[in-house]
Amino acid sequence: MNVYLTKFMMYFEIHRMRREGHSISQISQHLVLDRRTVSKYLSMSEQEYEDFLIRQSTRKKVLLPYEDFVKERLEDFRDTSAAQMHDLLKEHYPDFPSVSQKNVFNFVCWVRDKHRLPVVKLERQFQLVEELPYGKQAQVDFGQYNMRTTTGSRFKFVLFTDGHFTTELAIRAHEKAFEYIRGIPDEIVYDQDKVFISSENSGDIILTDAFRTYMRGQSFTLHFCRKADPQSKGKVDNVIKYVKQNFLYNRTFRNIDTLNDEVLAWLGRTANALPHAFTRKDPLKMAFLRTG
C-alpha cells in the first residue's frame, strides 16, 4: 500500500510540475525518472493511472528473476539500452526465456523507475540507403574502439584485431566472411583504404600488390567509394555504429580470441537473428548467397 501511495504522489507531482510550466526534461531530471515514463504518466488521467498500477501489481513478471542482474548492469553502465540488455541476458543466461523485445524494454523501464536509474540518451544518426537483393553486394569497412580491460537488418560478419589491419589480414577476413555467410556476393564495396589501394591516378584505382594478386582468383567485382560519399557508404557505416553501440559498448576486453568468439555468438543470437527494421525479413533465412 505504501508503494502504491508513493507512486500516486509521484504521479501528482509530475502533473503539478507540468501545470507550473516545467518541461518534460526538467521533470525527468528533478524526479530522476525516464523521459518516456514522464510523458506516459502525463498522458494518463487519474483513473487511467490507477488502473495501470493495478495491472502492474497483479501481472506476473516472467523476467522478475533477472531484476538484480539488470539493476547491477544499469548501476555500472547507466546508458545500457534495452536492446543491449536483452542480448546480455541471453549471453549470461542460456535458459533465458523466449520473450519479445517489447517485454524486455518494458521490464528494463520498470527496473529503471523502481531503482531511480534513468537512461542517458545517445544521439545516433541514421540515413536511409536503397536496399539491394541479397547476394548482390557486400561492404567492407574498418573501425576502431577503445574497450575497458579486465583490469578496469543486414547479414553481418565481424572480425576484430588488436593490432593494425594489413592487406594480408584483410584478405583472411574476406575468406572468413565468405565461409561464415556460405557464399560470395556479386560485388563488394570498399572505402579508399591503403590496405587495398596503393595509389589513385586520375581516377584509376591501383591496388596493392597483395590484394591485386588475391583478386585474380576471385569472381566478385570491386567498387571503391569516393571519399566522403555518404550515398554509397551509409549502409556499412551504420553497421559499424551498430556493432560499436550494441556489442562493444561497455563490454570488457579479455583477449582478442575471446572477443572474436563472443562476437560470433552475438551475431548468431542477436545481430543476424533479428528481422530487418524496414523489410522485416529474417537475415538468417535470406543469407544463403550465390556460392563462388
C-alpha atoms as a PDB file:
ATOM      1  CA  MET A   1       0.000   0.000   0.000  1.00  0.00           C
ATOM      2  CA  ASN A   2       2.865   2.378   0.846  1.00  0.00           C
ATOM      3  CA  VAL A   3       4.441   1.791  -2.551  1.00  0.00           C
ATOM      4  CA  TYR A   4       1.051   2.369  -4.172  1.00  0.00           C
ATOM      5  CA  LEU A   5       0.629   5.703  -2.369  1.00  0.00           C
ATOM      6  CA  THR A   6       4.192   6.734  -3.181  1.00  0.00           C
ATOM      7  CA  LYS A   7       3.598   6.119  -6.864  1.00  0.00           C
ATOM      8  CA  PHE A   8       0.407   8.177  -6.746  1.00  0.00           C
ATOM      9  CA  MET A   9       2.322  11.020  -5.091  1.00  0.00           C
ATOM     10  CA  MET A  10       4.853  10.839  -7.907  1.00  0.00           C
ATOM     11  CA  TYR A  11       2.018  10.979 -10.467  1.00  0.00           C
ATOM     12  CA  PHE A  12       0.562  14.091  -8.833  1.00  0.00           C
ATOM     13  CA  GLU A  13       3.993  15.719  -8.608  1.00  0.00           C
ATOM     14  CA  ILE A  14       4.592  15.152 -12.326  1.00  0.00           C
ATOM     15  CA  HIS A  15       1.290  16.807 -13.196  1.00  0.00           C
ATOM     16  CA  ARG A  16       1.861  19.653 -10.708  1.00  0.00           C
ATOM     17  CA  MET A  17       5.251  20.491 -12.228  1.00  0.00           C
ATOM     18  CA  ARG A  18       3.774  20.330 -15.710  1.00  0.00           C
ATOM     19  CA  ARG A  19       0.997  22.774 -14.766  1.00  0.00           C
ATOM     20  CA  GLU A  20       3.659  25.137 -13.450  1.00  0.00           C
ATOM     21  CA  GLY A  21       5.288  25.164 -16.866  1.00  0.00           C
ATOM     22  CA  HIS A  22       8.185  22.768 -16.373  1.00  0.00           C
ATOM     23  CA  SER A  23       9.339  20.805 -19.439  1.00  0.00           C
ATOM     24  CA  ILE A  24       9.404  17.011 -19.613  1.00  0.00           C
ATOM     25  CA  SER A  25      13.215  17.108 -19.409  1.00  0.00           C
ATOM     26  CA  GLN A  26      13.098  19.275 -16.279  1.00  0.00           C
ATOM     27  CA  ILE A  27      10.552  16.977 -14.626  1.00  0.00           C
ATOM     28  CA  SER A  28      12.606  13.928 -15.601  1.00  0.00           C
ATOM     29  CA  GLN A  29      15.775  15.359 -14.089  1.00  0.00           C
ATOM     30  CA  HIS A  30      14.086  16.612 -10.914  1.00  0.00           C
ATOM     31  CA  LEU A  31      12.266  13.352 -10.152  1.00  0.00           C
ATOM     32  CA  VAL A  32      15.035  11.086 -11.542  1.00  0.00           C
ATOM     33  CA  LEU A  33      12.673   9.424 -13.998  1.00  0.00           C
ATOM     34  CA  ASP A  34      12.984   8.370 -17.602  1.00  0.00           C
ATOM     35  CA  ARG A  35      11.537  10.956 -20.003  1.00  0.00           C
ATOM     36  CA  ARG A  36       9.322   8.310 -21.627  1.00  0.00           C
ATOM     37  CA  THR A  37       7.849   7.498 -18.226  1.00  0.00           C
ATOM     38  CA  VAL A  38       7.091  11.166 -17.557  1.00  0.00           C
ATOM     39  CA  SER A  39       5.422  11.525 -20.959  1.00  0.00           C
ATOM     40  CA  LYS A  40       3.354   8.374 -20.422  1.00  0.00           C
ATOM     41  CA  TYR A  41       2.126   9.479 -16.995  1.00  0.00           C
ATOM     42  CA  LEU A  42       1.276  12.950 -18.266  1.00  0.00           C
ATOM     43  CA  SER A  43      -0.952  11.381 -20.921  1.00  0.00           C
ATOM     44  CA  MET A  44      -2.948   9.425 -18.304  1.00  0.00           C
ATOM     45  CA  SER A  45      -5.959  10.588 -16.341  1.00  0.00           C
ATOM     46  CA  GLU A  46      -6.020   9.816 -12.614  1.00  0.00           C
ATOM     47  CA  GLN A  47      -8.338   6.833 -13.203  1.00  0.00           C
ATOM     48  CA  GLU A  48      -6.173   5.524 -16.046  1.00  0.00           C
ATOM     49  CA  TYR A  49      -3.093   5.733 -13.841  1.00  0.00           C
ATOM     50  CA  GLU A  50      -4.839   3.875 -11.010  1.00  0.00           C
ATOM     51  CA  ASP A  51      -5.906   1.108 -13.426  1.00  0.00           C
ATOM     52  CA  PHE A  52      -2.347   0.986 -14.717  1.00  0.00           C
ATOM     53  CA  LEU A  53      -0.945   0.500 -11.192  1.00  0.00           C
ATOM     54  CA  ILE A  54      -3.431  -2.290 -10.512  1.00  0.00           C
ATOM     55  CA  ARG A  55      -2.435  -4.097 -13.705  1.00  0.00           C
ATOM     56  CA  GLN A  56       1.244  -3.690 -12.871  1.00  0.00           C
ATOM     57  CA  SER A  57       0.802  -5.063  -9.355  1.00  0.00           C
ATOM     58  CA  THR A  58      -1.152  -8.135 -10.445  1.00  0.00           C
ATOM     59  CA  ARG A  59       0.779  -9.004 -13.598  1.00  0.00           C
ATOM     60  CA  LYS A  60       3.200 -11.894 -13.245  1.00  0.00           C
ATOM     61  CA  LYS A  61       6.633 -10.731 -14.348  1.00  0.00           C
ATOM     62  CA  VAL A  62       8.359 -13.550 -16.177  1.00  0.00           C
ATOM     63  CA  LEU A  63      11.565 -11.535 -16.053  1.00  0.00           C
ATOM     64  CA  LEU A  64      11.462 -10.770 -12.326  1.00  0.00           C
ATOM     65  CA  PRO A  65      14.252 -13.289 -11.508  1.00  0.00           C
ATOM     66  CA  TYR A  66      16.585 -11.139 -13.618  1.00  0.00           C
ATOM     67  CA  GLU A  67      15.901  -7.878 -11.773  1.00  0.00           C
ATOM     68  CA  ASP A  68      19.196  -7.915  -9.847  1.00  0.00           C
ATOM     69  CA  PHE A  69      21.229  -8.509 -12.994  1.00  0.00           C
ATOM     70  CA  VAL A  70      19.519  -5.661 -14.849  1.00  0.00           C
ATOM     71  CA  LYS A  71      19.805  -3.340 -11.836  1.00  0.00           C
ATOM     72  CA  GLU A  72      23.528  -4.036 -11.371  1.00  0.00           C
ATOM     73  CA  ARG A  73      24.187  -3.534 -15.062  1.00  0.00           C
ATOM     74  CA  LEU A  74      22.330  -0.223 -15.092  1.00  0.00           C
ATOM     75  CA  GLU A  75      24.170   0.923 -11.975  1.00  0.00           C
ATOM     76  CA  ASP A  76      27.515   0.270 -13.653  1.00  0.00           C
ATOM     77  CA  PHE A  77      26.514   1.459 -17.141  1.00  0.00           C
ATOM     78  CA  ARG A  78      23.533   3.781 -16.920  1.00  0.00           C
ATOM     79  CA  ASP A  79      23.259   4.177 -20.700  1.00  0.00           C
ATOM     80  CA  THR A  80      22.768   0.472 -21.476  1.00  0.00           C
ATOM     81  CA  SER A  81      19.916   0.220 -23.978  1.00  0.00           C
ATOM     82  CA  ALA A  82      17.059  -2.266 -23.656  1.00  0.00           C
ATOM     83  CA  ALA A  83      18.238  -3.987 -26.865  1.00  0.00           C
ATOM     84  CA  GLN A  84      21.732  -4.448 -25.467  1.00  0.00           C
ATOM     85  CA  MET A  85      20.302  -5.609 -22.142  1.00  0.00           C
ATOM     86  CA  HIS A  86      18.232  -8.235 -23.994  1.00  0.00           C
ATOM     87  CA  ASP A  87      21.392  -9.578 -25.621  1.00  0.00           C
ATOM     88  CA  LEU A  88      23.329  -9.513 -22.332  1.00  0.00           C
ATOM     89  CA  LEU A  89      20.598 -11.534 -20.644  1.00  0.00           C
ATOM     90  CA  LYS A  90      20.709 -14.131 -23.419  1.00  0.00           C
ATOM     91  CA  GLU A  91      24.507 -14.201 -23.203  1.00  0.00           C
ATOM     92  CA  HIS A  92      24.682 -14.674 -19.431  1.00  0.00           C
ATOM     93  CA  TYR A  93      21.641 -16.944 -19.046  1.00  0.00           C
ATOM     94  CA  PRO A  94      21.491 -19.816 -21.590  1.00  0.00           C
ATOM     95  CA  ASP A  95      17.980 -20.687 -20.350  1.00  0.00           C
ATOM     96  CA  PHE A  96      16.684 -17.127 -20.683  1.00  0.00           C
ATOM     97  CA  PRO A  97      13.012 -17.355 -21.727  1.00  0.00           C
ATOM     98  CA  SER A  98      11.927 -16.500 -25.254  1.00  0.00           C
ATOM     99  CA  VAL A  99      10.249 -13.128 -24.820  1.00  0.00           C
ATOM    100  CA  SER A 100       9.675 -10.235 -27.187  1.00  0.00           C
ATOM    101  CA  GLN A 101      11.891  -7.177 -27.373  1.00  0.00           C
ATOM    102  CA  LYS A 102       8.936  -5.141 -26.152  1.00  0.00           C
ATOM    103  CA  ASN A 103       8.699  -7.253 -22.979  1.00  0.00           C
ATOM    104  CA  VAL A 104      12.378  -6.688 -22.250  1.00  0.00           C
ATOM    105  CA  PHE A 105      12.027  -2.982 -22.996  1.00  0.00           C
ATOM    106  CA  ASN A 106       9.119  -2.672 -20.542  1.00  0.00           C
ATOM    107  CA  PHE A 107      10.998  -4.659 -17.907  1.00  0.00           C
ATOM    108  CA  VAL A 108      14.119  -2.504 -18.200  1.00  0.00           C
ATOM    109  CA  CYS A 109      11.964   0.643 -17.922  1.00  0.00           C
ATOM    110  CA  TRP A 110      10.329  -0.853 -14.817  1.00  0.00           C
ATOM    111  CA  VAL A 111      13.721  -1.546 -13.210  1.00  0.00           C
ATOM    112  CA  ARG A 112      14.891   1.970 -14.078  1.00  0.00           C
ATOM    113  CA  ASP A 113      11.828   3.535 -12.475  1.00  0.00           C
ATOM    114  CA  LYS A 114      11.904   1.313  -9.398  1.00  0.00           C
ATOM    115  CA  HIS A 115      15.558   1.941  -8.628  1.00  0.00           C
ATOM    116  CA  ARG A 116      15.767   5.512  -9.955  1.00  0.00           C
ATOM    117  CA  LEU A 117      18.235   4.716 -12.745  1.00  0.00           C
ATOM    118  CA  PRO A 118      17.147   6.950 -15.630  1.00  0.00           C
ATOM    119  CA  VAL A 119      18.569   6.402 -19.075  1.00  0.00           C
ATOM    120  CA  VAL A 120      21.356   8.527 -20.540  1.00  0.00           C
ATOM    121  CA  LYS A 121      20.334   9.086 -24.132  1.00  0.00           C
ATOM    122  CA  LEU A 122      22.776   8.775 -27.039  1.00  0.00           C
ATOM    123  CA  GLU A 123      22.332  10.744 -30.227  1.00  0.00           C
ATOM    124  CA  ARG A 124      22.544   8.403 -33.217  1.00  0.00           C
ATOM    125  CA  GLN A 125      22.411   9.389 -36.851  1.00  0.00           C
ATOM    126  CA  PHE A 126      20.854   7.179 -39.499  1.00  0.00           C
ATOM    127  CA  GLN A 127      20.490   7.566 -43.221  1.00  0.00           C
ATOM    128  CA  LEU A 128      18.246   5.506 -45.442  1.00  0.00           C
ATOM    129  CA  VAL A 129      20.054   3.897 -48.358  1.00  0.00           C
ATOM    130  CA  GLU A 130      18.415   1.923 -51.157  1.00  0.00           C
ATOM    131  CA  GLU A 131      18.123  -1.780 -50.398  1.00  0.00           C
ATOM    132  CA  LEU A 132      19.724  -4.317 -52.749  1.00  0.00           C
ATOM    133  CA  PRO A 133      18.815  -8.006 -53.287  1.00  0.00           C
ATOM    134  CA  TYR A 134      20.536 -10.499 -51.001  1.00  0.00           C
ATOM    135  CA  GLY A 135      23.757 -11.740 -52.540  1.00  0.00           C
ATOM    136  CA  LYS A 136      24.163  -8.676 -54.741  1.00  0.00           C
ATOM    137  CA  GLN A 137      26.590  -6.658 -52.679  1.00  0.00           C
ATOM    138  CA  ALA A 138      28.720  -6.794 -49.539  1.00  0.00           C
ATOM    139  CA  GLN A 139      30.507  -3.884 -47.920  1.00  0.00           C
ATOM    140  CA  VAL A 140      33.812  -3.687 -46.066  1.00  0.00           C
ATOM    141  CA  ASP A 141      34.911  -1.116 -43.537  1.00  0.00           C
ATOM    142  CA  PHE A 142      37.319  -0.776 -40.631  1.00  0.00           C
ATOM    143  CA  GLY A 143      36.560   0.733 -37.255  1.00  0.00           C
ATOM    144  CA  GLN A 144      38.389   1.343 -34.008  1.00  0.00           C
ATOM    145  CA  TYR A 145      37.003   1.075 -30.495  1.00  0.00           C
ATOM    146  CA  ASN A 146      38.604   1.530 -27.071  1.00  0.00           C
ATOM    147  CA  MET A 147      37.404  -1.057 -24.557  1.00  0.00           C
ATOM    148  CA  ARG A 148      37.695  -1.477 -20.801  1.00  0.00           C
ATOM    149  CA  THR A 149      40.182  -4.192 -19.903  1.00  0.00           C
ATOM    150  CA  THR A 150      39.877  -6.841 -17.196  1.00  0.00           C
ATOM    151  CA  THR A 151      41.953  -4.605 -15.056  1.00  0.00           C
ATOM    152  CA  GLY A 152      39.488  -1.827 -15.287  1.00  0.00           C
ATOM    153  CA  SER A 153      18.991  -5.906 -40.826  1.00  0.00           C
ATOM    154  CA  ARG A 154      21.730  -6.848 -42.837  1.00  0.00           C
ATOM    155  CA  PHE A 155      23.569 -10.110 -42.504  1.00  0.00           C
ATOM    156  CA  LYS A 156      26.810  -9.298 -40.772  1.00  0.00           C
ATOM    157  CA  PHE A 157      30.239 -10.736 -40.130  1.00  0.00           C
ATOM    158  CA  VAL A 158      32.761  -9.145 -37.785  1.00  0.00           C
ATOM    159  CA  LEU A 159      36.452  -9.840 -37.214  1.00  0.00           C
ATOM    160  CA  PHE A 160      38.451  -7.964 -34.585  1.00  0.00           C
ATOM    161  CA  THR A 161      42.185  -7.441 -34.305  1.00  0.00           C
ATOM    162  CA  ASP A 162      44.135  -5.796 -31.504  1.00  0.00           C
ATOM    163  CA  GLY A 163      46.714  -4.543 -33.999  1.00  0.00           C
ATOM    164  CA  HIS A 164      46.546  -2.732 -37.328  1.00  0.00           C
ATOM    165  CA  PHE A 165      44.718  -4.234 -40.295  1.00  0.00           C
ATOM    166  CA  THR A 166      47.151  -5.246 -43.017  1.00  0.00           C
ATOM    167  CA  THR A 167      46.352  -6.342 -46.556  1.00  0.00           C
ATOM    168  CA  GLU A 168      47.090  -9.941 -45.599  1.00  0.00           C
ATOM    169  CA  LEU A 169      44.768  -9.795 -42.597  1.00  0.00           C
ATOM    170  CA  ALA A 170      42.058  -8.129 -44.700  1.00  0.00           C
ATOM    171  CA  ILE A 171      42.326 -10.966 -47.248  1.00  0.00           C
ATOM    172  CA  ARG A 172      41.999 -13.523 -44.457  1.00  0.00           C
ATOM    173  CA  ALA A 173      38.956 -11.618 -43.183  1.00  0.00           C
ATOM    174  CA  HIS A 174      37.391 -11.930 -46.670  1.00  0.00           C
ATOM    175  CA  GLU A 175      37.801 -15.696 -46.603  1.00  0.00           C
ATOM    176  CA  LYS A 176      36.423 -15.978 -43.079  1.00  0.00           C
ATOM    177  CA  ALA A 177      33.433 -13.828 -44.074  1.00  0.00           C
ATOM    178  CA  PHE A 178      32.698 -15.936 -47.170  1.00  0.00           C
ATOM    179  CA  GLU A 179      32.893 -19.073 -45.037  1.00  0.00           C
ATOM    180  CA  TYR A 180      30.555 -17.565 -42.443  1.00  0.00           C
ATOM    181  CA  ILE A 181      27.908 -16.394 -44.919  1.00  0.00           C
ATOM    182  CA  ARG A 182      28.368 -19.550 -47.010  1.00  0.00           C
ATOM    183  CA  GLY A 183      28.770 -17.718 -50.281  1.00  0.00           C
ATOM    184  CA  ILE A 184      30.261 -14.823 -52.210  1.00  0.00           C
ATOM    185  CA  PRO A 185      28.385 -11.663 -53.267  1.00  0.00           C
ATOM    186  CA  ASP A 186      28.476 -10.289 -56.796  1.00  0.00           C
ATOM    187  CA  GLU A 187      30.092  -7.042 -55.661  1.00  0.00           C
ATOM    188  CA  ILE A 188      31.948  -5.720 -52.624  1.00  0.00           C
ATOM    189  CA  VAL A 189      32.057  -2.047 -51.720  1.00  0.00           C
ATOM    190  CA  TYR A 190      35.156  -0.584 -50.077  1.00  0.00           C
ATOM    191  CA  ASP A 191      36.341   2.661 -48.647  1.00  0.00           C
ATOM    192  CA  GLN A 192      39.511   4.015 -50.245  1.00  0.00           C
ATOM    193  CA  ASP A 193      41.888   2.473 -47.725  1.00  0.00           C
ATOM    194  CA  LYS A 194      45.626   1.913 -48.063  1.00  0.00           C
ATOM    195  CA  VAL A 195      45.048  -1.724 -47.134  1.00  0.00           C
ATOM    196  CA  PHE A 196      43.540  -2.173 -50.618  1.00  0.00           C
ATOM    197  CA  ILE A 197      44.806   0.758 -52.685  1.00  0.00           C
ATOM    198  CA  SER A 198      48.400   1.803 -53.219  1.00  0.00           C
ATOM    199  CA  SER A 199      47.506   4.938 -55.215  1.00  0.00           C
ATOM    200  CA  GLU A 200      44.892   6.660 -57.365  1.00  0.00           C
ATOM    201  CA  ASN A 201      45.919   8.120 -60.692  1.00  0.00           C
ATOM    202  CA  SER A 202      43.378  10.442 -62.356  1.00  0.00           C
ATOM    203  CA  GLY A 203      40.510   8.327 -61.089  1.00  0.00           C
ATOM    204  CA  ASP A 204      42.190   4.986 -61.852  1.00  0.00           C
ATOM    205  CA  ILE A 205      42.473   2.813 -58.742  1.00  0.00           C
ATOM    206  CA  ILE A 206      45.783   0.968 -58.348  1.00  0.00           C
ATOM    207  CA  LEU A 207      45.537  -1.971 -55.959  1.00  0.00           C
ATOM    208  CA  THR A 208      48.257  -3.067 -53.592  1.00  0.00           C
ATOM    209  CA  ASP A 209      50.351  -5.964 -54.902  1.00  0.00           C
ATOM    210  CA  ALA A 210      48.943  -8.471 -52.402  1.00  0.00           C
ATOM    211  CA  PHE A 211      45.314  -7.500 -52.981  1.00  0.00           C
ATOM    212  CA  ARG A 212      45.725  -7.458 -56.760  1.00  0.00           C
ATOM    213  CA  THR A 213      47.152 -10.987 -56.593  1.00  0.00           C
ATOM    214  CA  TYR A 214      44.235 -12.103 -54.423  1.00  0.00           C
ATOM    215  CA  MET A 215      41.671 -10.628 -56.812  1.00  0.00           C
ATOM    216  CA  ARG A 216      42.984 -12.617 -59.769  1.00  0.00           C
ATOM    217  CA  GLY A 217      41.315 -15.711 -58.388  1.00  0.00           C
ATOM    218  CA  GLN A 218      38.041 -14.056 -57.317  1.00  0.00           C
ATOM    219  CA  SER A 219      34.695 -13.734 -59.075  1.00  0.00           C
ATOM    220  CA  PHE A 220      33.278 -10.658 -57.311  1.00  0.00           C
ATOM    221  CA  THR A 221      33.734  -7.130 -58.625  1.00  0.00           C
ATOM    222  CA  LEU A 222      35.143  -4.197 -56.670  1.00  0.00           C
ATOM    223  CA  HIS A 223      33.584  -0.817 -56.050  1.00  0.00           C
ATOM    224  CA  PHE A 224      35.574   1.858 -54.217  1.00  0.00           C
ATOM    225  CA  CYS A 225      33.631   4.741 -52.714  1.00  0.00           C
ATOM    226  CA  ARG A 226      34.573   8.286 -53.409  1.00  0.00           C
ATOM    227  CA  LYS A 227      35.910   9.972 -50.311  1.00  0.00           C
ATOM    228  CA  ALA A 228      33.177  11.316 -48.014  1.00  0.00           C
ATOM    229  CA  ASP A 229      30.471   9.721 -50.159  1.00  0.00           C
ATOM    230  CA  PRO A 230      27.501   9.127 -47.804  1.00  0.00           C
ATOM    231  CA  GLN A 231      25.266   7.732 -50.550  1.00  0.00           C
ATOM    232  CA  SER A 232      27.446   4.667 -51.084  1.00  0.00           C
ATOM    233  CA  LYS A 233      28.929   4.377 -47.592  1.00  0.00           C
ATOM    234  CA  GLY A 234      25.852   4.943 -45.454  1.00  0.00           C
ATOM    235  CA  LYS A 235      24.895   1.305 -45.028  1.00  0.00           C
ATOM    236  CA  VAL A 236      28.272  -0.016 -43.906  1.00  0.00           C
ATOM    237  CA  ASP A 237      28.947   2.992 -41.669  1.00  0.00           C
ATOM    238  CA  ASN A 238      25.668   2.281 -39.871  1.00  0.00           C
ATOM    239  CA  VAL A 239      26.730  -1.342 -39.360  1.00  0.00           C
ATOM    240  CA  ILE A 240      29.992  -0.174 -37.776  1.00  0.00           C
ATOM    241  CA  LYS A 241      27.987   2.067 -35.422  1.00  0.00           C
ATOM    242  CA  TYR A 242      25.622  -0.820 -34.675  1.00  0.00           C
ATOM    243  CA  VAL A 243      28.484  -3.137 -33.688  1.00  0.00           C
ATOM    244  CA  LYS A 244      30.133  -0.464 -31.559  1.00  0.00           C
ATOM    245  CA  GLN A 245      26.992   0.635 -29.752  1.00  0.00           C
ATOM    246  CA  ASN A 246      25.267  -2.742 -29.346  1.00  0.00           C
ATOM    247  CA  PHE A 247      28.084  -5.262 -28.964  1.00  0.00           C
ATOM    248  CA  LEU A 248      31.262  -3.442 -27.938  1.00  0.00           C
ATOM    249  CA  TYR A 249      29.687  -0.737 -25.815  1.00  0.00           C
ATOM    250  CA  ASN A 250      30.508  -1.293 -22.093  1.00  0.00           C
ATOM    251  CA  ARG A 251      31.935  -4.766 -22.856  1.00  0.00           C
ATOM    252  CA  THR A 252      35.084  -5.894 -21.025  1.00  0.00           C
ATOM    253  CA  PHE A 253      38.105  -6.848 -23.170  1.00  0.00           C
ATOM    254  CA  ARG A 254      39.945 -10.000 -22.099  1.00  0.00           C
ATOM    255  CA  ASN A 255      41.864 -11.039 -25.200  1.00  0.00           C
ATOM    256  CA  ILE A 256      41.341 -10.893 -28.949  1.00  0.00           C
ATOM    257  CA  ASP A 257      40.438 -14.585 -29.354  1.00  0.00           C
ATOM    258  CA  THR A 258      37.753 -14.362 -26.667  1.00  0.00           C
ATOM    259  CA  LEU A 259      36.380 -11.184 -28.220  1.00  0.00           C
ATOM    260  CA  ASN A 260      36.094 -12.821 -31.660  1.00  0.00           C
ATOM    261  CA  ASP A 261      34.351 -15.844 -30.100  1.00  0.00           C
ATOM    262  CA  GLU A 262      31.943 -13.517 -28.292  1.00  0.00           C
ATOM    263  CA  VAL A 263      31.110 -11.528 -31.418  1.00  0.00           C
ATOM    264  CA  LEU A 264      30.345 -14.699 -33.391  1.00  0.00           C
ATOM    265  CA  ALA A 265      27.956 -15.775 -30.632  1.00  0.00           C
ATOM    266  CA  TRP A 266      26.372 -12.287 -30.670  1.00  0.00           C
ATOM    267  CA  LEU A 267      25.945 -12.393 -34.441  1.00  0.00           C
ATOM    268  CA  GLY A 268      24.146 -15.728 -34.161  1.00  0.00           C
ATOM    269  CA  ARG A 269      21.790 -14.899 -31.313  1.00  0.00           C
ATOM    270  CA  THR A 270      21.079 -11.204 -31.994  1.00  0.00           C
ATOM    271  CA  ALA A 271      22.634  -9.253 -34.879  1.00  0.00           C
ATOM    272  CA  ASN A 272      21.731 -11.794 -37.565  1.00  0.00           C
ATOM    273  CA  ALA A 273      18.694 -13.196 -35.745  1.00  0.00           C
ATOM    274  CA  LEU A 274      16.502 -10.090 -35.597  1.00  0.00           C
ATOM    275  CA  PRO A 275      14.298  -9.137 -38.563  1.00  0.00           C
ATOM    276  CA  HIS A 276      15.352  -6.172 -40.689  1.00  0.00           C
ATOM    277  CA  ALA A 277      13.943  -2.912 -39.334  1.00  0.00           C
ATOM    278  CA  PHE A 278      12.269  -1.991 -42.642  1.00  0.00           C
ATOM    279  CA  THR A 279      11.887  -5.117 -44.783  1.00  0.00           C
ATOM    280  CA  ARG A 280      11.037  -7.308 -41.721  1.00  0.00           C
ATOM    281  CA  LYS A 281      12.899 -10.174 -43.416  1.00  0.00           C
ATOM    282  CA  ASP A 282      14.962 -12.631 -41.395  1.00  0.00           C
ATOM    283  CA  PRO A 283      18.674 -12.189 -42.306  1.00  0.00           C
ATOM    284  CA  LEU A 284      19.478 -15.795 -41.400  1.00  0.00           C
ATOM    285  CA  LYS A 285      16.913 -17.138 -43.875  1.00  0.00           C
ATOM    286  CA  MET A 286      17.974 -14.709 -46.605  1.00  0.00           C
ATOM    287  CA  ALA A 287      21.715 -15.131 -46.252  1.00  0.00           C
ATOM    288  CA  PHE A 288      22.352 -18.185 -48.426  1.00  0.00           C
ATOM    289  CA  LEU A 289      24.159 -16.358 -51.200  1.00  0.00           C
ATOM    290  CA  ARG A 290      25.421 -17.491 -54.584  1.00  0.00           C
ATOM    291  CA  THR A 291      28.469 -19.679 -53.969  1.00  0.00           C
ATOM    292  CA  GLY A 292      31.684 -18.606 -55.617  1.00  0.00           C
END
